[in-house]
PDB file of N, CA and C in Angstrom:
ATOM      1  N   ILE A   1     -12.070  16.213   5.707  1.00  0.00           N
ATOM      2  CA  ILE A   1     -10.752  16.056   5.116  1.00  0.00           C
ATOM      3  C   ILE A   1     -10.308  17.430   4.642  1.00  0.00           C
ATOM      4  N   ARG A   2      -9.094  17.810   4.993  1.00  0.00           N
ATOM      5  CA  ARG A   2      -8.617  19.157   4.726  1.00  0.00           C
ATOM      6  C   ARG A   2      -7.323  19.095   3.929  1.00  0.00           C
ATOM      7  N   HIS A   3      -7.244  19.949   2.917  1.00  0.00           N
ATOM      8  CA  HIS A   3      -6.006  20.054   2.147  1.00  0.00           C
ATOM      9  C   HIS A   3      -4.991  20.842   2.958  1.00  0.00           C
ATOM     10  N   PRO A   4      -3.724  20.433   2.943  1.00  0.00           N
ATOM     11  CA  PRO A   4      -2.707  21.212   3.654  1.00  0.00           C
ATOM     12  C   PRO A   4      -2.629  22.635   3.094  1.00  0.00           C
ATOM     13  N   GLY A   5      -2.484  23.588   3.972  1.00  0.00           N
ATOM     14  CA  GLY A   5      -2.305  24.971   3.529  1.00  0.00           C
ATOM     15  C   GLY A   5      -3.583  25.696   3.177  1.00  0.00           C
ATOM     16  N   THR A   6      -4.755  25.094   3.431  1.00  0.00           N
ATOM     17  CA  THR A   6      -6.011  25.787   3.168  1.00  0.00           C
ATOM     18  C   THR A   6      -6.822  25.864   4.450  1.00  0.00           C
ATOM     19  N   ALA A   7      -7.753  26.786   4.458  1.00  0.00           N
ATOM     20  CA  ALA A   7      -8.573  26.980   5.651  1.00  0.00           C
ATOM     21  C   ALA A   7      -9.979  26.412   5.468  1.00  0.00           C
ATOM     22  N   CYS A   8     -10.182  25.569   4.460  1.00  0.00           N
ATOM     23  CA  CYS A   8     -11.499  25.002   4.252  1.00  0.00           C
ATOM     24  C   CYS A   8     -11.402  23.501   3.995  1.00  0.00           C
ATOM     25  N   SER A   9     -12.487  22.799   4.245  1.00  0.00           N
ATOM     26  CA  SER A   9     -12.534  21.357   4.059  1.00  0.00           C
ATOM     27  C   SER A   9     -13.181  21.030   2.727  1.00  0.00           C
ATOM     28  N   ASP A  10     -12.780  19.906   2.136  1.00  0.00           N
ATOM     29  CA  ASP A  10     -13.415  19.413   0.920  1.00  0.00           C
ATOM     30  C   ASP A  10     -14.647  18.586   1.245  1.00  0.00           C
ATOM     31  N   GLU A  11     -14.587  17.875   2.362  1.00  0.00           N
ATOM     32  CA  GLU A  11     -15.715  17.042   2.744  1.00  0.00           C
ATOM     33  C   GLU A  11     -15.744  16.839   4.254  1.00  0.00           C
ATOM     34  N   ILE A  12     -16.931  16.478   4.722  1.00  0.00           N
ATOM     35  CA  ILE A  12     -17.133  16.145   6.123  1.00  0.00           C
ATOM     36  C   ILE A  12     -17.416  14.654   6.183  1.00  0.00           C
ATOM     37  N   VAL A  13     -16.753  13.965   7.100  1.00  0.00           N
ATOM     38  CA  VAL A  13     -16.953  12.527   7.270  1.00  0.00           C
ATOM     39  C   VAL A  13     -17.486  12.287   8.681  1.00  0.00           C
ATOM     40  N   LEU A  14     -18.671  11.692   8.764  1.00  0.00           N
ATOM     41  CA  LEU A  14     -19.274  11.328  10.042  1.00  0.00           C
ATOM     42  C   LEU A  14     -19.172   9.821  10.201  1.00  0.00           C
ATOM     43  N   LYS A  15     -18.663   9.373  11.345  1.00  0.00           N
ATOM     44  CA  LYS A  15     -18.612   7.950  11.661  1.00  0.00           C
ATOM     45  C   LYS A  15     -19.516   7.735  12.863  1.00  0.00           C
ATOM     46  N   ILE A  16     -20.578   6.951  12.651  1.00  0.00           N
ATOM     47  CA  ILE A  16     -21.591   6.751  13.676  1.00  0.00           C
ATOM     48  C   ILE A  16     -21.597   5.276  14.080  1.00  0.00           C
ATOM     49  N   LYS A  17     -21.228   4.989  15.320  1.00  0.00           N
ATOM     50  CA  LYS A  17     -21.246   3.627  15.854  1.00  0.00           C
ATOM     51  C   LYS A  17     -22.688   3.270  16.248  1.00  0.00           C
ATOM     52  N   LEU A  18     -23.162   2.119  15.760  1.00  0.00           N
ATOM     53  CA  LEU A  18     -24.525   1.685  16.024  1.00  0.00           C
ATOM     54  C   LEU A  18     -24.543   0.207  16.429  1.00  0.00           C
ATOM     55  N   PRO A  19     -24.069  -0.117  17.633  1.00  0.00           N
ATOM     56  CA  PRO A  19     -24.034  -1.513  18.070  1.00  0.00           C
ATOM     57  C   PRO A  19     -25.420  -2.164  18.022  1.00  0.00           C
ATOM     58  N   GLY A  20     -25.485  -3.332  17.426  1.00  0.00           N
ATOM     59  CA  GLY A  20     -26.738  -4.075  17.347  1.00  0.00           C
ATOM     60  C   GLY A  20     -27.667  -3.650  16.226  1.00  0.00           C
ATOM     61  N   ALA A  21     -27.320  -2.607  15.490  1.00  0.00           N
ATOM     62  CA  ALA A  21     -28.186  -2.127  14.404  1.00  0.00           C
ATOM     63  C   ALA A  21     -27.944  -2.927  13.126  1.00  0.00           C
ATOM     64  N   ARG A  22     -28.950  -2.909  12.265  1.00  0.00           N
ATOM     65  CA  ARG A  22     -28.829  -3.507  10.928  1.00  0.00           C
ATOM     66  C   ARG A  22     -29.058  -2.417   9.896  1.00  0.00           C
ATOM     67  N   MET A  23     -28.413  -2.548   8.749  1.00  0.00           N
ATOM     68  CA  MET A  23     -28.516  -1.534   7.701  1.00  0.00           C
ATOM     69  C   MET A  23     -29.971  -1.278   7.314  1.00  0.00           C
ATOM     70  N   ALA A  24     -30.777  -2.335   7.229  1.00  0.00           N
ATOM     71  CA  ALA A  24     -32.172  -2.196   6.809  1.00  0.00           C
ATOM     72  C   ALA A  24     -32.992  -1.347   7.779  1.00  0.00           C
ATOM     73  N   ASP A  25     -32.549  -1.229   9.028  1.00  0.00           N
ATOM     74  CA  ASP A  25     -33.292  -0.484  10.041  1.00  0.00           C
ATOM     75  C   ASP A  25     -32.875   0.980  10.163  1.00  0.00           C
ATOM     76  N   ILE A  26     -31.865   1.398   9.403  1.00  0.00           N
ATOM     77  CA  ILE A  26     -31.327   2.754   9.541  1.00  0.00           C
ATOM     78  C   ILE A  26     -32.001   3.695   8.556  1.00  0.00           C
ATOM     79  N   ASP A  27     -32.489   4.820   9.074  1.00  0.00           N
ATOM     80  CA  ASP A  27     -33.090   5.871   8.249  1.00  0.00           C
ATOM     81  C   ASP A  27     -32.164   7.086   8.330  1.00  0.00           C
ATOM     82  N   LEU A  28     -31.678   7.546   7.185  1.00  0.00           N
ATOM     83  CA  LEU A  28     -30.739   8.665   7.133  1.00  0.00           C
ATOM     84  C   LEU A  28     -31.331   9.797   6.312  1.00  0.00           C
ATOM     85  N   ASP A  29     -31.312  10.999   6.864  1.00  0.00           N
ATOM     86  CA  ASP A  29     -31.815  12.201   6.192  1.00  0.00           C
ATOM     87  C   ASP A  29     -30.704  13.238   6.217  1.00  0.00           C
ATOM     88  N   VAL A  30     -30.214  13.619   5.042  1.00  0.00           N
ATOM     89  CA  VAL A  30     -29.116  14.591   4.947  1.00  0.00           C
ATOM     90  C   VAL A  30     -29.648  15.877   4.344  1.00  0.00           C
ATOM     91  N   ARG A  31     -29.365  16.979   5.008  1.00  0.00           N
ATOM     92  CA  ARG A  31     -29.749  18.326   4.561  1.00  0.00           C
ATOM     93  C   ARG A  31     -28.475  19.165   4.458  1.00  0.00           C
ATOM     94  N   PRO A  32     -28.540  20.345   3.846  1.00  0.00           N
ATOM     95  CA  PRO A  32     -27.329  21.167   3.703  1.00  0.00           C
ATOM     96  C   PRO A  32     -26.661  21.548   5.020  1.00  0.00           C
ATOM     97  N   THR A  33     -27.425  21.624   6.116  1.00  0.00           N
ATOM     98  CA  THR A  33     -26.846  22.088   7.374  1.00  0.00           C
ATOM     99  C   THR A  33     -26.890  21.073   8.515  1.00  0.00           C
ATOM    100  N   PHE A  34     -27.531  19.927   8.307  1.00  0.00           N
ATOM    101  CA  PHE A  34     -27.585  18.919   9.358  1.00  0.00           C
ATOM    102  C   PHE A  34     -27.803  17.521   8.792  1.00  0.00           C
ATOM    103  N   VAL A  35     -27.534  16.521   9.639  1.00  0.00           N
ATOM    104  CA  VAL A  35     -27.778  15.117   9.313  1.00  0.00           C
ATOM    105  C   VAL A  35     -28.655  14.544  10.417  1.00  0.00           C
ATOM    106  N   ARG A  36     -29.689  13.811  10.010  1.00  0.00           N
ATOM    107  CA  ARG A  36     -30.568  13.147  10.967  1.00  0.00           C
ATOM    108  C   ARG A  36     -30.514  11.650  10.677  1.00  0.00           C
ATOM    109  N   MET A  37     -30.278  10.849  11.730  1.00  0.00           N
ATOM    110  CA  MET A  37     -30.222   9.401  11.585  1.00  0.00           C
ATOM    111  C   MET A  37     -31.121   8.799  12.651  1.00  0.00           C
ATOM    112  N   GLN A  38     -31.864   7.750  12.243  1.00  0.00           N
ATOM    113  CA  GLN A  38     -32.727   7.088  13.200  1.00  0.00           C
ATOM    114  C   GLN A  38     -32.664   5.585  12.951  1.00  0.00           C
ATOM    115  N   ALA A  39     -32.585   4.837  14.037  1.00  0.00           N
ATOM    116  CA  ALA A  39     -32.631   3.382  14.027  1.00  0.00           C
ATOM    117  C   ALA A  39     -33.475   2.990  15.244  1.00  0.00           C
ATOM    118  N   PRO A  40     -33.895   1.721  15.358  1.00  0.00           N
ATOM    119  CA  PRO A  40     -34.767   1.352  16.480  1.00  0.00           C
ATOM    120  C   PRO A  40     -34.255   1.788  17.860  1.00  0.00           C
ATOM    121  N   LYS A  41     -32.966   1.682  18.127  1.00  0.00           N
ATOM    122  CA  LYS A  41     -32.427   2.039  19.445  1.00  0.00           C
ATOM    123  C   LYS A  41     -31.741   3.403  19.476  1.00  0.00           C
ATOM    124  N   TYR A  42     -31.598   4.056  18.320  1.00  0.00           N
ATOM    125  CA  TYR A  42     -30.765   5.255  18.253  1.00  0.00           C
ATOM    126  C   TYR A  42     -31.450   6.383  17.499  1.00  0.00           C
ATOM    127  N   LYS A  43     -31.148   7.611  17.934  1.00  0.00           N
ATOM    128  CA  LYS A  43     -31.561   8.824  17.217  1.00  0.00           C
ATOM    129  C   LYS A  43     -30.409   9.804  17.282  1.00  0.00           C
ATOM    130  N   LEU A  44     -30.167  10.485  16.160  1.00  0.00           N
ATOM    131  CA  LEU A  44     -29.095  11.478  16.109  1.00  0.00           C
ATOM    132  C   LEU A  44     -29.520  12.608  15.188  1.00  0.00           C
ATOM    133  N   LYS A  45     -29.301  13.831  15.633  1.00  0.00           N
ATOM    134  CA  LYS A  45     -29.414  14.995  14.761  1.00  0.00           C
ATOM    135  C   LYS A  45     -28.149  15.801  14.986  1.00  0.00           C
ATOM    136  N   ALA A  46     -27.309  15.884  13.957  1.00  0.00           N
ATOM    137  CA  ALA A  46     -26.021  16.573  14.070  1.00  0.00           C
ATOM    138  C   ALA A  46     -26.010  17.768  13.128  1.00  0.00           C
ATOM    139  N   TYR A  47     -25.802  18.950  13.692  1.00  0.00           N
ATOM    140  CA  TYR A  47     -25.655  20.150  12.874  1.00  0.00           C
ATOM    141  C   TYR A  47     -24.230  20.190  12.345  1.00  0.00           C
ATOM    142  N   LEU A  48     -24.085  20.545  11.089  1.00  0.00           N
ATOM    143  CA  LEU A  48     -22.785  20.518  10.422  1.00  0.00           C
ATOM    144  C   LEU A  48     -22.099  21.878  10.498  1.00  0.00           C
ATOM    145  N   PRO A  49     -20.765  21.901  10.611  1.00  0.00           N
ATOM    146  CA  PRO A  49     -20.040  23.165  10.721  1.00  0.00           C
ATOM    147  C   PRO A  49     -19.976  23.947   9.408  1.00  0.00           C
ATOM    148  N   GLU A  50     -20.235  23.253   8.289  1.00  0.00           N
ATOM    149  CA  GLU A  50     -20.235  23.902   6.976  1.00  0.00           C
ATOM    150  C   GLU A  50     -21.383  23.335   6.162  1.00  0.00           C
ATOM    151  N   ARG A  51     -21.848  24.101   5.158  1.00  0.00           N
ATOM    152  CA  ARG A  51     -22.919  23.619   4.275  1.00  0.00           C
ATOM    153  C   ARG A  51     -22.374  22.507   3.382  1.00  0.00           C
ATOM    154  N   VAL A  52     -23.215  21.499   3.125  1.00  0.00           N
ATOM    155  CA  VAL A  52     -22.805  20.376   2.295  1.00  0.00           C
ATOM    156  C   VAL A  52     -23.760  20.216   1.116  1.00  0.00           C
ATOM    157  N   ASP A  53     -23.286  19.507   0.099  1.00  0.00           N
ATOM    158  CA  ASP A  53     -24.119  19.168  -1.058  1.00  0.00           C
ATOM    159  C   ASP A  53     -24.730  17.796  -0.776  1.00  0.00           C
ATOM    160  N   GLU A  54     -25.960  17.788  -0.291  1.00  0.00           N
ATOM    161  CA  GLU A  54     -26.598  16.546   0.132  1.00  0.00           C
ATOM    162  C   GLU A  54     -26.860  15.583  -1.028  1.00  0.00           C
ATOM    163  N   GLN A  55     -26.878  16.082  -2.256  1.00  0.00           N
ATOM    164  CA  GLN A  55     -27.119  15.229  -3.420  1.00  0.00           C
ATOM    165  C   GLN A  55     -25.882  14.430  -3.829  1.00  0.00           C
ATOM    166  N   ARG A  56     -24.697  14.904  -3.468  1.00  0.00           N
ATOM    167  CA  ARG A  56     -23.450  14.254  -3.891  1.00  0.00           C
ATOM    168  C   ARG A  56     -22.780  13.442  -2.781  1.00  0.00           C
ATOM    169  N   GLY A  57     -23.374  13.399  -1.617  1.00  0.00           N
ATOM    170  CA  GLY A  57     -22.809  12.640  -0.521  1.00  0.00           C
ATOM    171  C   GLY A  57     -23.103  11.156  -0.659  1.00  0.00           C
ATOM    172  N   HIS A  58     -22.454  10.364   0.176  1.00  0.00           N
ATOM    173  CA  HIS A  58     -22.750   8.934   0.185  1.00  0.00           C
ATOM    174  C   HIS A  58     -22.542   8.369   1.586  1.00  0.00           C
ATOM    175  N   ALA A  59     -23.222   7.252   1.835  1.00  0.00           N
ATOM    176  CA  ALA A  59     -23.128   6.573   3.128  1.00  0.00           C
ATOM    177  C   ALA A  59     -22.755   5.118   2.890  1.00  0.00           C
ATOM    178  N   LYS A  60     -21.984   4.577   3.826  1.00  0.00           N
ATOM    179  CA  LYS A  60     -21.542   3.184   3.722  1.00  0.00           C
ATOM    180  C   LYS A  60     -21.713   2.523   5.084  1.00  0.00           C
ATOM    181  N   TRP A  61     -22.326   1.343   5.089  1.00  0.00           N
ATOM    182  CA  TRP A  61     -22.514   0.592   6.322  1.00  0.00           C
ATOM    183  C   TRP A  61     -21.434  -0.467   6.422  1.00  0.00           C
ATOM    184  N   ASP A  62     -20.725  -0.497   7.537  1.00  0.00           N
ATOM    185  CA  ASP A  62     -19.718  -1.520   7.814  1.00  0.00           C
ATOM    186  C   ASP A  62     -20.296  -2.422   8.897  1.00  0.00           C
ATOM    187  N   GLY A  63     -20.841  -3.559   8.473  1.00  0.00           N
ATOM    188  CA  GLY A  63     -21.493  -4.472   9.406  1.00  0.00           C
ATOM    189  C   GLY A  63     -20.551  -5.054  10.438  1.00  0.00           C
ATOM    190  N   ALA A  64     -19.310  -5.317  10.060  1.00  0.00           N
ATOM    191  CA  ALA A  64     -18.336  -5.880  10.996  1.00  0.00           C
ATOM    192  C   ALA A  64     -18.045  -4.915  12.147  1.00  0.00           C
ATOM    193  N   LYS A  65     -17.969  -3.630  11.852  1.00  0.00           N
ATOM    194  CA  LYS A  65     -17.700  -2.612  12.875  1.00  0.00           C
ATOM    195  C   LYS A  65     -18.983  -2.025  13.465  1.00  0.00           C
ATOM    196  N   GLU A  66     -20.127  -2.378  12.870  1.00  0.00           N
ATOM    197  CA  GLU A  66     -21.421  -1.796  13.247  1.00  0.00           C
ATOM    198  C   GLU A  66     -21.331  -0.270  13.213  1.00  0.00           C
ATOM    199  N   GLU A  67     -20.865   0.237  12.065  1.00  0.00           N
ATOM    200  CA  GLU A  67     -20.584   1.659  11.916  1.00  0.00           C
ATOM    201  C   GLU A  67     -21.118   2.163  10.584  1.00  0.00           C
ATOM    202  N   LEU A  68     -21.780   3.310  10.628  1.00  0.00           N
ATOM    203  CA  LEU A  68     -22.245   3.997   9.435  1.00  0.00           C
ATOM    204  C   LEU A  68     -21.288   5.151   9.161  1.00  0.00           C
ATOM    205  N   VAL A  69     -20.727   5.191   7.955  1.00  0.00           N
ATOM    206  CA  VAL A  69     -19.799   6.257   7.573  1.00  0.00           C
ATOM    207  C   VAL A  69     -20.490   7.106   6.505  1.00  0.00           C
ATOM    208  N   VAL A  70     -20.704   8.381   6.825  1.00  0.00           N
ATOM    209  CA  VAL A  70     -21.377   9.309   5.917  1.00  0.00           C
ATOM    210  C   VAL A  70     -20.350  10.332   5.451  1.00  0.00           C
ATOM    211  N   THR A  71     -20.161  10.429   4.132  1.00  0.00           N
ATOM    212  CA  THR A  71     -19.199  11.366   3.544  1.00  0.00           C
ATOM    213  C   THR A  71     -19.967  12.398   2.733  1.00  0.00           C
ATOM    214  N   LEU A  72     -19.767  13.682   3.072  1.00  0.00           N
ATOM    215  CA  LEU A  72     -20.528  14.767   2.454  1.00  0.00           C
ATOM    216  C   LEU A  72     -19.591  15.843   1.916  1.00  0.00           C
ATOM    217  N   PRO A  73     -19.670  16.155   0.611  1.00  0.00           N
ATOM    218  CA  PRO A  73     -18.829  17.218   0.073  1.00  0.00           C
ATOM    219  C   PRO A  73     -19.292  18.595   0.561  1.00  0.00           C
ATOM    220  N   VAL A  74     -18.339  19.401   0.950  1.00  0.00           N
ATOM    221  CA  VAL A  74     -18.619  20.756   1.435  1.00  0.00           C
ATOM    222  C   VAL A  74     -18.870  21.673   0.237  1.00  0.00           C
ATOM    223  N   VAL A  75     -19.872  22.541   0.383  1.00  0.00           N
ATOM    224  CA  VAL A  75     -20.167  23.538  -0.639  1.00  0.00           C
ATOM    225  C   VAL A  75     -19.231  24.721  -0.419  1.00  0.00           C
ATOM    226  N   ALA A  76     -18.436  25.034  -1.426  1.00  0.00           N
ATOM    227  CA  ALA A  76     -17.489  26.152  -1.307  1.00  0.00           C
ATOM    228  C   ALA A  76     -18.249  27.460  -1.215  1.00  0.00           C
ATOM    229  N   GLN A  77     -17.865  28.269  -0.248  1.00  0.00           N
ATOM    230  CA  GLN A  77     -18.475  29.588  -0.078  1.00  0.00           C
ATOM    231  C   GLN A  77     -17.380  30.634  -0.135  1.00  0.00           C
ATOM    232  N   ILE A  78     -17.576  31.624  -0.976  1.00  0.00           N
ATOM    233  CA  ILE A  78     -16.584  32.683  -1.144  1.00  0.00           C
ATOM    234  C   ILE A  78     -16.859  33.766  -0.113  1.00  0.00           C
ATOM    235  N   GLN A  79     -15.842  34.105   0.656  1.00  0.00           N
ATOM    236  CA  GLN A  79     -15.958  35.155   1.657  1.00  0.00           C
ATOM    237  C   GLN A  79     -15.641  36.507   1.014  1.00  0.00           C
ATOM    238  N   GLY A  80     -16.539  37.451   1.129  1.00  0.00           N
ATOM    239  CA  GLY A  80     -16.298  38.785   0.586  1.00  0.00           C
ATOM    240  C   GLY A  80     -16.395  38.800  -0.931  1.00  0.00           C
ATOM    241  N   LYS A  81     -15.934  39.877  -1.518  1.00  0.00           N
ATOM    242  CA  LYS A  81     -15.989  40.045  -2.968  1.00  0.00           C
ATOM    243  C   LYS A  81     -14.634  39.732  -3.585  1.00  0.00           C
ATOM    244  N   LEU A  82     -14.664  39.199  -4.770  1.00  0.00           N
ATOM    245  CA  LEU A  82     -13.444  38.943  -5.504  1.00  0.00           C
ATOM    246  C   LEU A  82     -12.971  40.235  -6.146  1.00  0.00           C
ATOM    247  N   PRO A  83     -11.655  40.432  -6.238  1.00  0.00           N
ATOM    248  CA  PRO A  83     -11.170  41.638  -6.910  1.00  0.00           C
ATOM    249  C   PRO A  83     -11.538  41.600  -8.398  1.00  0.00           C
ATOM    250  N   THR A  84     -11.871  42.743  -8.916  1.00  0.00           N
ATOM    251  CA  THR A  84     -12.203  42.844 -10.342  1.00  0.00           C
ATOM    252  C   THR A  84     -11.299  43.873 -10.988  1.00  0.00           C
ATOM    253  N   SER A  85     -11.234  43.840 -12.281  1.00  0.00           N
ATOM    254  CA  SER A  85     -10.430  44.821 -12.995  1.00  0.00           C
ATOM    255  C   SER A  85     -11.293  45.531 -14.019  1.00  0.00           C
ATOM    256  N   MET A  86     -10.859  46.703 -14.399  1.00  0.00           N
ATOM    257  CA  MET A  86     -11.556  47.469 -15.432  1.00  0.00           C
ATOM    258  C   MET A  86     -11.210  46.872 -16.779  1.00  0.00           C
ATOM    259  N   SER A  87     -12.089  46.992 -17.736  1.00  0.00           N
ATOM    260  CA  SER A  87     -11.855  46.383 -19.055  1.00  0.00           C
ATOM    261  C   SER A  87     -10.619  46.965 -19.743  1.00  0.00           C
ATOM    262  N   ASP A  88     -10.262  48.221 -19.462  1.00  0.00           N
ATOM    263  CA  ASP A  88      -9.082  48.794 -20.113  1.00  0.00           C
ATOM    264  C   ASP A  88      -7.781  48.364 -19.430  1.00  0.00           C
ATOM    265  N   GLU A  89      -7.879  47.633 -18.301  1.00  0.00           N
ATOM    266  CA  GLU A  89      -6.675  47.149 -17.622  1.00  0.00           C
ATOM    267  C   GLU A  89      -6.248  45.778 -18.132  1.00  0.00           C
ATOM    268  N   ILE A  90      -7.088  45.129 -18.921  1.00  0.00           N
ATOM    269  CA  ILE A  90      -6.805  43.784 -19.398  1.00  0.00           C
ATOM    270  C   ILE A  90      -5.942  43.871 -20.657  1.00  0.00           C
ATOM    271  N   ASP A  91      -4.876  43.087 -20.688  1.00  0.00           N
ATOM    272  CA  ASP A  91      -3.987  43.068 -21.875  1.00  0.00           C
ATOM    273  C   ASP A  91      -4.622  42.390 -23.043  1.00  0.00           C
TER     274      ASP A  91
END
């Protein structure tokens, strides 16, 4: 999900279709740079385009759609150095 006018995302949302799977059979492992999912008939390892906070993410199983939705907040990374000022320049 991206805010208009910015070049970074707030979160990454993965929608994984798993026909015939049950929530109890799904094993999900989330790391800062990838997501690994395993079920009896399925295996997935997806590398993420941005680092995520794996502790603050959440997953939701939609049994009617047979879909796992994983939402992961992106860790903000500052590119380059921020401008600084000298102490005598501050009012």
